[in-house]
Protein backbone atom coordinates (compact mmCIF):
# COMPACT_ATOMS: atom_id res chain seq x y z
CA MET A 1 -0.02 0.01 0.01
CA LYS A 2 1.33 3.43 -0.93
CA THR A 3 1.57 6.17 1.61
CA ALA A 4 0.91 9.80 0.91
CA GLN A 5 4.09 11.84 0.69
CA SER A 6 4.24 15.54 1.06
CA VAL A 7 5.60 17.53 -1.84
CA LYS A 8 8.23 20.05 -0.88
CA ILE A 9 8.90 23.00 -3.15
CA ALA A 10 12.07 24.94 -2.64
CA ARG A 11 11.53 28.64 -2.04
CA ARG A 12 14.02 29.55 -4.76
CA ASP A 13 12.27 27.31 -7.33
CA LEU A 14 8.96 29.02 -6.55
CA GLU A 15 10.60 32.45 -6.84
CA VAL A 16 12.04 31.55 -10.22
CA ALA A 17 8.72 30.15 -11.45
CA ALA A 18 6.76 33.21 -10.29
CA SER A 19 9.41 35.51 -11.76
CA SER A 20 9.31 33.71 -15.09
CA VAL A 21 5.51 33.71 -15.30
CA ILE A 22 5.18 37.38 -14.37
CA GLY A 23 7.98 38.20 -16.81
CA VAL A 24 6.08 36.50 -19.62
CA ALA A 25 2.97 38.39 -18.51
CA ALA A 26 4.91 41.67 -18.85
CA TYR A 27 5.92 40.66 -22.39
CA VAL A 28 2.31 39.81 -23.27
CA HIS A 29 1.15 43.18 -21.95
CA TYR A 30 3.64 44.93 -24.20
CA LEU A 31 2.80 42.67 -27.12
CA GLN A 32 -0.88 43.54 -27.01
CA LEU A 33 0.04 47.16 -27.75
CA PHE A 34 1.20 46.08 -31.19
CA ILE A 35 -1.67 43.73 -31.92
CA LEU A 36 -4.81 45.32 -30.52
CA LYS A 37 -6.42 48.58 -31.47
CA ILE A 38 -5.05 51.21 -29.13
CA THR A 39 -7.68 52.33 -26.66
CA LEU A 40 -7.24 53.83 -23.21
CA PRO A 41 -7.80 50.49 -21.39
CA THR A 42 -5.34 48.75 -23.78
CA LEU A 43 -2.75 51.47 -23.29
CA ILE A 44 -3.09 51.40 -19.48
CA ALA A 45 -2.94 47.61 -19.35
CA GLY A 46 -0.02 47.43 -21.74
CA VAL A 47 2.23 50.18 -20.46
CA VAL A 48 1.38 50.42 -16.76
CA PHE A 49 0.89 46.72 -15.93
CA GLY A 50 3.60 45.63 -18.40
CA THR A 51 6.10 47.84 -16.57
CA ILE A 52 4.89 46.86 -13.09
CA TYR A 53 5.11 43.17 -14.01
CA LEU A 54 8.56 43.61 -15.46
CA ILE A 55 9.75 45.21 -12.21
CA LEU A 56 8.03 42.43 -10.22
CA SER A 57 9.81 39.83 -12.33
CA VAL A 58 13.22 41.32 -11.60
CA GLY A 59 12.44 41.74 -7.88
CA LEU A 60 11.30 38.12 -7.53
CA ALA A 61 14.30 36.88 -9.50
CA LYS A 62 16.61 38.76 -7.09
CA SER A 63 14.74 37.37 -4.03
CA VAL A 64 13.76 40.81 -2.76
CA LYS A 65 11.24 39.98 -0.05
CA ILE A 66 8.95 43.03 -0.52
CA PHE A 67 8.12 41.69 -3.99
CA TYR A 68 6.35 38.73 -2.37
CA LEU A 69 3.69 41.13 -1.12
CA LEU A 70 3.73 43.23 -4.30
CA GLY A 71 3.39 40.00 -6.27
CA ILE A 72 0.08 39.40 -4.49
CA ILE A 73 -1.33 42.93 -4.78
CA PHE A 74 -0.56 43.96 -8.37
CA PRO A 75 -1.46 40.70 -10.17
CA PHE A 76 -4.65 40.44 -8.11
CA ALA A 77 -5.58 43.97 -9.16
CA GLY A 78 -4.61 43.16 -12.75
CA ALA A 79 -6.78 40.05 -12.80
CA THR A 80 -9.69 41.96 -11.34
CA LEU A 81 -9.37 44.69 -13.96
CA ALA A 82 -9.04 42.05 -16.70
CA VAL A 83 -12.30 40.43 -15.57
CA ILE A 84 -13.99 43.84 -15.58
CA ARG A 85 -12.55 44.48 -19.05
CA LEU A 86 -13.96 41.16 -20.29
CA HIS A 87 -17.34 42.07 -18.87
CA LEU A 88 -17.41 45.56 -20.40
CA TYR A 89 -15.79 44.94 -23.79
CA GLY A 90 -16.47 41.23 -24.44
CA PHE A 91 -14.04 38.40 -25.04
CA GLU A 92 -10.45 39.39 -25.66
CA VAL A 93 -7.74 36.73 -25.69
CA PHE A 94 -5.05 38.81 -24.01
CA SER A 95 -7.26 39.41 -20.98
CA VAL A 96 -7.86 35.72 -20.62
CA ILE A 97 -4.17 34.88 -20.96
CA ASN A 98 -3.20 37.53 -18.41
CA ILE A 99 -5.79 36.26 -15.94
CA GLY A 100 -4.19 32.81 -16.28
CA PHE A 101 -0.78 34.25 -15.43
CA ASP A 102 -2.18 36.11 -12.44
CA VAL A 103 -3.95 32.97 -11.16
CA PHE A 104 -0.53 31.34 -10.88
CA VAL A 105 1.47 34.26 -9.52
CA VAL A 106 -0.89 35.43 -6.75
CA PRO A 107 -0.98 32.11 -4.83
CA ALA A 108 2.75 31.53 -5.45
CA CYS A 109 3.66 34.93 -4.00
CA ALA A 110 1.16 34.44 -1.16
CA PHE A 111 2.87 31.17 -0.26
CA LEU A 112 6.31 32.82 -0.43
CA PHE A 113 5.11 35.74 1.71
CA ILE A 114 3.51 33.50 4.36
CA LYS A 115 6.57 31.20 4.45
CA TYR A 116 8.93 34.19 4.74
CA ARG A 117 6.93 35.74 7.57
CA GLY A 118 6.80 32.40 9.44
CA ASP A 119 10.54 31.83 9.04
CA ARG A 120 11.21 35.41 10.19
CA LEU A 121 9.11 34.95 13.31
CA ILE A 122 10.90 31.71 14.16
CA ALA A 123 14.30 33.34 13.57
CA ASN A 124 13.39 36.19 15.94
CA GLY A 125 12.27 33.74 18.59
CA GLU A 126 8.71 35.05 18.54
CA ARG A 127 7.19 31.74 17.58
CA ASP A 128 8.87 28.99 19.54
CA GLU A 129 6.09 26.69 20.66
CA PRO A 130 2.34 27.07 20.34
CA THR A 131 0.67 27.66 23.68
CA ASN A 132 -2.86 28.29 24.77
CA GLU A 133 -1.83 31.14 27.03
CA ARG A 134 -2.13 34.71 25.82
CA LYS A 135 0.99 36.84 25.96
CA ASN A 136 0.90 39.82 28.33
CA LEU A 137 1.42 43.00 26.40
C-alpha cells in the first residue's frame, strides 16, 4: 500500500517560477500594444501593468522579499481589472491569458510571503512553541 508523501517545493524554485511567469505576462502586456487597437484600457494595461510586471519579475528573480507582497497585490488587481474588461468589452484573448498568469502568480507569492513571515518569526524567537496562554502585552 502506498503512503501519501508531502511535496516540498524549494523557495528559490517558486521564486524563479513566479518571476518567469510574471515576466512573460509583462511581455504579453507589451505585445498587445502592437496587436490590438489602441484604446485607453489597452494602453493602461499594456504600459502600466507591463512595466509593473517587469519590475516584479526582476524583484522576484533577485529574491527581494517586498516583492512577495507586491506579487500578490498587483497581479490580483490586474486580474480583477481584466475580468472587468472582459465584462465591459467582451471576449479578448489577451485578458484571458493575463488572468491565467495572475492565477498562478498570486498564490505563489502568497505562499512565499507566508513562508517568509513564518521563518522570520521563528528566527526572531517570537514563535517557539504554540501555547494556549495569551501573551501579556
